[in-house]
N, C-alpha and C. Protein backbone atom coordinates (compact mmCIF):
# COMPACT_ATOMS: atom_id res chain seq x y z
N UNK A 1 27.60 24.81 13.77
CA UNK A 1 26.44 23.93 13.79
C UNK A 1 25.45 24.38 12.71
N UNK A 2 24.97 23.45 11.93
CA UNK A 2 24.03 23.74 10.86
C UNK A 2 22.60 23.77 11.40
N UNK A 3 21.84 24.80 10.99
CA UNK A 3 20.47 24.94 11.47
C UNK A 3 19.44 24.69 10.38
N UNK A 4 19.87 24.44 9.15
CA UNK A 4 18.95 24.24 8.05
C UNK A 4 18.21 22.91 8.22
N UNK A 5 16.93 22.92 7.86
CA UNK A 5 16.15 21.69 7.91
C UNK A 5 15.85 21.23 6.49
N UNK A 6 15.58 19.95 6.35
CA UNK A 6 15.34 19.34 5.05
C UNK A 6 14.08 18.49 5.15
N UNK A 7 13.08 18.85 4.35
CA UNK A 7 11.83 18.08 4.36
C UNK A 7 11.50 17.49 2.99
N UNK A 8 12.00 18.09 1.92
CA UNK A 8 11.72 17.62 0.57
C UNK A 8 12.98 17.69 -0.27
N UNK A 9 13.03 16.85 -1.29
CA UNK A 9 14.17 16.87 -2.21
C UNK A 9 14.13 18.14 -3.06
N UNK A 10 15.29 18.67 -3.36
CA UNK A 10 15.37 19.80 -4.29
C UNK A 10 15.30 19.26 -5.72
N UNK A 11 15.02 20.13 -6.67
CA UNK A 11 15.01 19.72 -8.08
C UNK A 11 16.39 19.21 -8.49
N UNK A 12 17.43 19.87 -8.02
CA UNK A 12 18.79 19.46 -8.36
C UNK A 12 19.10 18.07 -7.83
N UNK A 13 18.72 17.80 -6.59
CA UNK A 13 18.97 16.48 -6.00
C UNK A 13 18.17 15.41 -6.73
N UNK A 14 16.92 15.70 -7.06
CA UNK A 14 16.10 14.75 -7.80
C UNK A 14 16.68 14.46 -9.17
N UNK A 15 17.13 15.49 -9.86
CA UNK A 15 17.74 15.31 -11.18
C UNK A 15 19.01 14.46 -11.07
N UNK A 16 19.85 14.75 -10.08
CA UNK A 16 21.08 13.99 -9.89
C UNK A 16 20.78 12.52 -9.60
N UNK A 17 19.76 12.26 -8.79
CA UNK A 17 19.37 10.88 -8.47
C UNK A 17 18.96 10.12 -9.73
N UNK A 18 18.12 10.74 -10.54
CA UNK A 18 17.60 10.03 -11.71
C UNK A 18 18.58 9.96 -12.87
N UNK A 19 19.57 10.84 -12.92
CA UNK A 19 20.56 10.76 -13.99
C UNK A 19 21.71 9.82 -13.65
N UNK A 20 21.73 9.28 -12.43
CA UNK A 20 22.76 8.30 -12.06
C UNK A 20 22.63 7.01 -12.86
N UNK A 21 21.43 6.74 -13.34
CA UNK A 21 21.21 5.50 -14.08
C UNK A 21 21.27 4.27 -13.20
N UNK A 22 20.73 4.37 -12.02
CA UNK A 22 20.73 3.23 -11.08
C UNK A 22 19.99 2.06 -11.70
N UNK A 23 20.63 0.91 -11.69
CA UNK A 23 20.03 -0.33 -12.19
C UNK A 23 19.64 -1.21 -11.00
N UNK A 24 18.44 -1.71 -11.02
CA UNK A 24 18.00 -2.61 -9.96
C UNK A 24 17.46 -1.87 -8.75
N UNK A 25 17.28 -2.62 -7.65
CA UNK A 25 16.65 -2.07 -6.45
C UNK A 25 17.43 -0.92 -5.82
N UNK A 26 16.70 -0.06 -5.15
CA UNK A 26 17.29 1.03 -4.38
C UNK A 26 16.61 1.04 -3.01
N UNK A 27 17.41 1.17 -1.97
CA UNK A 27 16.90 1.25 -0.60
C UNK A 27 17.08 2.69 -0.14
N UNK A 28 16.02 3.24 0.42
CA UNK A 28 16.06 4.61 0.93
C UNK A 28 16.23 4.59 2.45
N UNK A 29 17.32 5.18 2.90
CA UNK A 29 17.55 5.36 4.33
C UNK A 29 16.89 6.67 4.73
N UNK A 30 15.90 6.59 5.60
CA UNK A 30 15.15 7.76 6.10
C UNK A 30 15.56 8.03 7.54
N UNK A 31 16.01 9.24 7.82
CA UNK A 31 16.26 9.70 9.18
C UNK A 31 15.23 10.78 9.46
N UNK A 32 14.45 10.60 10.52
CA UNK A 32 13.30 11.47 10.77
C UNK A 32 13.32 12.06 12.17
N UNK A 33 13.02 13.36 12.24
CA UNK A 33 12.88 14.05 13.53
C UNK A 33 11.48 14.65 13.56
N UNK A 34 10.74 14.35 14.62
CA UNK A 34 9.34 14.78 14.71
C UNK A 34 9.18 16.10 15.45
N UNK A 35 8.13 16.83 15.08
CA UNK A 35 7.70 18.00 15.83
C UNK A 35 7.00 17.50 17.09
N UNK A 36 7.06 18.28 18.15
CA UNK A 36 6.34 17.90 19.37
C UNK A 36 4.84 17.84 19.09
N UNK A 37 4.33 18.84 18.39
CA UNK A 37 2.92 18.90 18.01
C UNK A 37 2.86 19.05 16.50
N UNK A 38 2.12 18.18 15.84
CA UNK A 38 2.00 18.23 14.39
C UNK A 38 1.41 19.57 13.95
N UNK A 39 1.95 20.11 12.86
CA UNK A 39 1.50 21.40 12.33
C UNK A 39 0.79 21.17 10.99
N UNK A 40 -0.53 21.20 11.02
CA UNK A 40 -1.34 20.96 9.83
C UNK A 40 -1.74 22.25 9.11
N UNK A 41 -1.05 23.34 9.36
CA UNK A 41 -1.43 24.61 8.74
C UNK A 41 -1.35 24.57 7.22
N UNK A 42 -0.51 23.72 6.66
CA UNK A 42 -0.40 23.62 5.20
C UNK A 42 -1.36 22.58 4.62
N UNK A 43 -2.00 21.80 5.47
CA UNK A 43 -2.93 20.75 5.02
C UNK A 43 -4.10 20.65 5.98
N UNK A 44 -4.82 21.73 6.14
CA UNK A 44 -5.91 21.77 7.13
C UNK A 44 -6.97 20.70 6.85
N UNK A 45 -7.12 20.29 5.60
CA UNK A 45 -8.11 19.26 5.26
C UNK A 45 -7.76 17.90 5.87
N UNK A 46 -6.50 17.68 6.23
CA UNK A 46 -6.08 16.41 6.83
C UNK A 46 -6.01 16.47 8.35
N UNK A 47 -6.16 17.65 8.91
CA UNK A 47 -5.96 17.83 10.34
C UNK A 47 -6.98 17.06 11.17
N UNK A 48 -6.50 16.34 12.18
CA UNK A 48 -7.43 15.70 13.13
C UNK A 48 -8.20 16.77 13.92
N UNK A 49 -9.27 16.37 14.55
CA UNK A 49 -10.09 17.33 15.29
C UNK A 49 -9.36 17.88 16.52
N UNK A 50 -8.46 17.10 17.10
CA UNK A 50 -7.67 17.55 18.25
C UNK A 50 -6.19 17.50 17.90
N UNK A 51 -5.36 18.34 18.52
CA UNK A 51 -3.92 18.30 18.24
C UNK A 51 -3.33 16.92 18.54
N UNK A 52 -2.36 16.53 17.70
CA UNK A 52 -1.64 15.27 17.89
C UNK A 52 -0.14 15.55 17.78
N UNK A 53 0.65 14.59 18.21
CA UNK A 53 2.10 14.74 18.14
C UNK A 53 2.58 14.51 16.71
N UNK A 54 3.80 14.94 16.44
CA UNK A 54 4.41 14.66 15.15
C UNK A 54 4.52 13.17 14.89
N UNK A 55 4.87 12.42 15.92
CA UNK A 55 4.97 10.96 15.77
C UNK A 55 3.62 10.36 15.37
N UNK A 56 2.54 10.82 16.00
CA UNK A 56 1.21 10.32 15.66
C UNK A 56 0.83 10.70 14.23
N UNK A 57 1.18 11.91 13.82
CA UNK A 57 0.90 12.34 12.44
C UNK A 57 1.68 11.49 11.46
N UNK A 58 2.91 11.12 11.81
CA UNK A 58 3.70 10.28 10.91
C UNK A 58 3.10 8.88 10.80
N UNK A 59 2.54 8.39 11.88
CA UNK A 59 1.85 7.09 11.82
C UNK A 59 0.67 7.17 10.86
N UNK A 60 -0.05 8.28 10.86
CA UNK A 60 -1.14 8.47 9.90
C UNK A 60 -0.60 8.46 8.47
N UNK A 61 0.54 9.11 8.27
CA UNK A 61 1.18 9.13 6.96
C UNK A 61 1.57 7.71 6.52
N UNK A 62 2.21 6.96 7.40
CA UNK A 62 2.63 5.59 7.06
C UNK A 62 1.42 4.73 6.73
N UNK A 63 0.38 4.79 7.55
CA UNK A 63 -0.83 3.99 7.29
C UNK A 63 -1.45 4.36 5.94
N UNK A 64 -1.44 5.63 5.60
CA UNK A 64 -1.99 6.09 4.33
C UNK A 64 -1.10 5.64 3.16
N UNK A 65 0.21 5.67 3.38
CA UNK A 65 1.19 5.45 2.32
C UNK A 65 1.39 3.98 1.95
N UNK A 66 1.28 3.08 2.90
CA UNK A 66 1.64 1.67 2.65
C UNK A 66 0.96 1.06 1.42
N UNK A 67 -0.32 1.24 1.19
CA UNK A 67 -0.92 0.65 -0.01
C UNK A 67 -0.29 1.15 -1.31
N UNK A 68 0.07 2.42 -1.37
CA UNK A 68 0.70 2.98 -2.56
C UNK A 68 2.12 2.45 -2.73
N UNK A 69 2.82 2.31 -1.63
CA UNK A 69 4.17 1.76 -1.66
C UNK A 69 4.14 0.32 -2.18
N UNK A 70 3.25 -0.48 -1.63
CA UNK A 70 3.15 -1.89 -2.04
C UNK A 70 2.72 -2.01 -3.50
N UNK A 71 1.79 -1.17 -3.92
CA UNK A 71 1.32 -1.20 -5.31
C UNK A 71 2.47 -0.92 -6.29
N UNK A 72 3.41 -0.07 -5.90
CA UNK A 72 4.55 0.26 -6.74
C UNK A 72 5.70 -0.74 -6.55
N UNK A 73 5.47 -1.83 -5.81
CA UNK A 73 6.49 -2.85 -5.63
C UNK A 73 7.48 -2.55 -4.53
N UNK A 74 7.18 -1.57 -3.67
CA UNK A 74 8.09 -1.22 -2.59
C UNK A 74 7.74 -1.95 -1.30
N UNK A 75 8.67 -1.90 -0.37
CA UNK A 75 8.42 -2.52 0.94
C UNK A 75 9.22 -1.83 2.03
N UNK A 76 8.62 -1.79 3.21
CA UNK A 76 9.30 -1.28 4.39
C UNK A 76 10.14 -2.42 4.95
N UNK A 77 11.46 -2.26 4.91
CA UNK A 77 12.37 -3.31 5.39
C UNK A 77 12.64 -3.21 6.88
N UNK A 78 12.68 -1.98 7.39
CA UNK A 78 13.09 -1.78 8.78
C UNK A 78 12.53 -0.47 9.30
N UNK A 79 12.10 -0.48 10.53
CA UNK A 79 11.68 0.71 11.25
C UNK A 79 12.25 0.61 12.66
N UNK A 80 12.97 1.62 13.09
CA UNK A 80 13.56 1.55 14.42
C UNK A 80 13.75 2.91 15.06
N UNK A 81 13.93 2.91 16.36
CA UNK A 81 14.17 4.12 17.13
C UNK A 81 15.57 4.63 16.84
N UNK A 82 15.67 5.92 16.62
CA UNK A 82 16.97 6.55 16.36
C UNK A 82 17.59 7.06 17.63
N UNK A 83 18.31 8.15 17.52
CA UNK A 83 18.99 8.78 18.64
C UNK A 83 20.16 9.57 18.12
N UNK A 84 21.20 9.71 18.94
CA UNK A 84 22.40 10.44 18.54
C UNK A 84 23.36 9.50 17.82
N UNK A 85 24.18 10.08 16.95
CA UNK A 85 25.19 9.31 16.23
C UNK A 85 26.27 8.81 17.17
N UNK A 86 26.80 7.64 16.90
CA UNK A 86 28.02 7.17 17.56
C UNK A 86 29.21 7.82 16.86
N UNK A 87 29.12 7.92 15.53
CA UNK A 87 30.09 8.66 14.72
C UNK A 87 29.28 9.64 13.88
N UNK A 88 29.43 10.90 14.13
CA UNK A 88 28.68 11.92 13.40
C UNK A 88 28.46 13.14 14.26
N UNK A 89 27.75 14.11 13.71
CA UNK A 89 27.53 15.36 14.45
C UNK A 89 26.77 15.13 15.76
N UNK A 90 27.30 15.66 16.85
CA UNK A 90 26.65 15.46 18.15
C UNK A 90 25.38 16.29 18.30
N UNK A 91 25.16 17.26 17.40
CA UNK A 91 23.95 18.08 17.48
C UNK A 91 22.79 17.49 16.71
N UNK A 92 23.00 16.38 16.01
CA UNK A 92 21.91 15.73 15.29
C UNK A 92 21.45 14.50 16.05
N UNK A 93 20.15 14.36 16.17
CA UNK A 93 19.54 13.17 16.75
C UNK A 93 18.27 12.89 15.97
N UNK A 94 17.96 11.63 15.77
CA UNK A 94 16.83 11.23 14.93
C UNK A 94 15.87 10.38 15.73
N UNK A 95 14.58 10.66 15.58
CA UNK A 95 13.55 9.94 16.32
C UNK A 95 13.24 8.57 15.72
N UNK A 96 13.29 8.49 14.38
CA UNK A 96 12.91 7.26 13.70
C UNK A 96 13.82 7.05 12.50
N UNK A 97 14.19 5.80 12.28
CA UNK A 97 15.00 5.41 11.14
C UNK A 97 14.22 4.37 10.36
N UNK A 98 14.10 4.58 9.04
CA UNK A 98 13.40 3.64 8.18
C UNK A 98 14.31 3.23 7.03
N UNK A 99 14.18 1.98 6.61
CA UNK A 99 14.76 1.50 5.36
C UNK A 99 13.61 1.06 4.49
N UNK A 100 13.46 1.70 3.32
CA UNK A 100 12.37 1.41 2.39
C UNK A 100 12.98 0.98 1.07
N UNK A 101 12.60 -0.22 0.63
CA UNK A 101 13.15 -0.77 -0.62
C UNK A 101 12.18 -0.52 -1.77
N UNK A 102 12.75 -0.03 -2.88
CA UNK A 102 12.00 0.16 -4.11
C UNK A 102 12.63 -0.73 -5.18
N UNK A 103 11.83 -1.30 -6.05
CA UNK A 103 12.31 -2.22 -7.07
C UNK A 103 13.30 -1.54 -8.03
N UNK A 104 13.14 -0.24 -8.23
CA UNK A 104 14.02 0.51 -9.13
C UNK A 104 13.80 2.00 -8.89
N UNK A 105 14.67 2.79 -9.47
CA UNK A 105 14.50 4.25 -9.37
C UNK A 105 13.20 4.67 -10.06
N UNK A 106 12.87 4.03 -11.17
CA UNK A 106 11.63 4.39 -11.87
C UNK A 106 10.40 4.01 -11.06
N UNK A 107 10.46 2.89 -10.33
CA UNK A 107 9.34 2.51 -9.46
C UNK A 107 9.22 3.48 -8.29
N UNK A 108 10.35 3.98 -7.79
CA UNK A 108 10.31 5.00 -6.75
C UNK A 108 9.62 6.25 -7.28
N UNK A 109 9.97 6.66 -8.50
CA UNK A 109 9.34 7.83 -9.10
C UNK A 109 7.84 7.61 -9.29
N UNK A 110 7.47 6.40 -9.73
CA UNK A 110 6.05 6.06 -9.88
C UNK A 110 5.32 6.22 -8.56
N UNK A 111 5.92 5.71 -7.50
CA UNK A 111 5.33 5.83 -6.17
C UNK A 111 5.24 7.29 -5.73
N UNK A 112 6.36 8.02 -5.82
CA UNK A 112 6.45 9.39 -5.28
C UNK A 112 5.63 10.40 -6.06
N UNK A 113 5.24 10.07 -7.29
CA UNK A 113 4.47 11.02 -8.10
C UNK A 113 3.00 10.61 -8.25
N UNK A 114 2.60 9.55 -7.58
CA UNK A 114 1.21 9.10 -7.63
C UNK A 114 0.31 10.16 -7.00
N UNK A 115 -0.65 10.66 -7.80
CA UNK A 115 -1.50 11.76 -7.31
C UNK A 115 -2.31 11.39 -6.07
N UNK A 116 -2.79 10.17 -6.01
CA UNK A 116 -3.56 9.75 -4.83
C UNK A 116 -2.66 9.71 -3.60
N UNK A 117 -1.43 9.20 -3.75
CA UNK A 117 -0.47 9.19 -2.65
C UNK A 117 -0.18 10.62 -2.18
N UNK A 118 0.04 11.52 -3.13
CA UNK A 118 0.40 12.90 -2.79
C UNK A 118 -0.66 13.60 -1.94
N UNK A 119 -1.92 13.16 -2.04
CA UNK A 119 -2.99 13.77 -1.26
C UNK A 119 -2.80 13.55 0.25
N UNK A 120 -2.04 12.55 0.64
CA UNK A 120 -1.83 12.26 2.07
C UNK A 120 -0.49 12.72 2.61
N UNK A 121 0.36 13.31 1.76
CA UNK A 121 1.69 13.69 2.23
C UNK A 121 1.66 14.86 3.22
N UNK A 122 0.51 15.52 3.35
CA UNK A 122 0.39 16.58 4.35
C UNK A 122 0.60 16.06 5.77
N UNK A 123 0.30 14.78 6.00
CA UNK A 123 0.57 14.18 7.32
C UNK A 123 2.08 14.19 7.58
N UNK A 124 2.87 13.85 6.55
CA UNK A 124 4.33 13.83 6.68
C UNK A 124 4.84 15.24 6.97
N UNK A 125 4.38 16.21 6.19
CA UNK A 125 4.81 17.59 6.38
C UNK A 125 4.43 18.09 7.77
N UNK A 126 3.24 17.75 8.22
CA UNK A 126 2.79 18.16 9.56
C UNK A 126 3.63 17.54 10.65
N UNK A 127 4.11 16.33 10.42
CA UNK A 127 4.81 15.55 11.43
C UNK A 127 6.26 15.95 11.64
N UNK A 128 6.96 16.29 10.54
CA UNK A 128 8.42 16.36 10.58
C UNK A 128 8.99 17.74 10.88
N UNK A 129 9.97 17.74 11.77
CA UNK A 129 10.78 18.93 12.02
C UNK A 129 12.00 18.94 11.11
N UNK A 130 12.48 17.73 10.73
CA UNK A 130 13.66 17.61 9.89
C UNK A 130 13.73 16.17 9.38
N UNK A 131 14.45 15.97 8.28
CA UNK A 131 14.61 14.62 7.75
C UNK A 131 15.83 14.55 6.85
N UNK A 132 16.24 13.34 6.56
CA UNK A 132 17.28 13.05 5.58
C UNK A 132 16.79 11.83 4.80
N UNK A 133 17.13 11.78 3.51
CA UNK A 133 16.78 10.64 2.67
C UNK A 133 18.01 10.31 1.84
N UNK A 134 18.56 9.12 2.04
CA UNK A 134 19.77 8.70 1.36
C UNK A 134 19.48 7.45 0.53
N UNK A 135 19.53 7.56 -0.81
CA UNK A 135 19.37 6.38 -1.65
C UNK A 135 20.61 5.49 -1.54
N UNK A 136 20.39 4.20 -1.39
CA UNK A 136 21.48 3.23 -1.24
C UNK A 136 21.30 2.15 -2.29
N UNK A 137 22.38 1.82 -2.99
CA UNK A 137 22.34 0.71 -3.94
C UNK A 137 23.37 -0.33 -3.53
N UNK A 138 23.00 -1.59 -3.68
CA UNK A 138 23.87 -2.68 -3.27
C UNK A 138 25.05 -2.80 -4.22
N UNK A 139 26.22 -3.09 -3.67
CA UNK A 139 27.39 -3.38 -4.48
C UNK A 139 28.25 -4.41 -3.76
N UNK A 140 29.19 -4.89 -4.46
CA UNK A 140 30.12 -5.86 -3.89
C UNK A 140 31.38 -5.14 -3.43
N UNK A 141 31.88 -5.45 -2.25
CA UNK A 141 33.12 -4.84 -1.76
C UNK A 141 34.32 -5.45 -2.43
């Protein structure tokens, strides 16, 4: 059983994503697992006055993020409750699943590197115990 957690992309993964030369829209599959209590120790300036759950902290992140996402031409396509895999590791379970569409890989980079957006990402870090992010591009079977 794997115990490693993933909260941010590595430089290698980011480089591999951008050197793929993806043309057109990209949809990001987000699998999210929340902390019971949000941990704002890395972003004390964003911390609410009273403790909140990871799920509540993620809602703060989403509310903060949506204007930046829309400005970069992105959209939230789907948000739903996760759980255990039907096919997959039985030790993994996800609290929330999101599908976020970006007009292109470059628009995703524009969104993800926006300095004003980055000021609110501490809510995400405080909220998450683990995550996965899978870029998906449409193709014909």
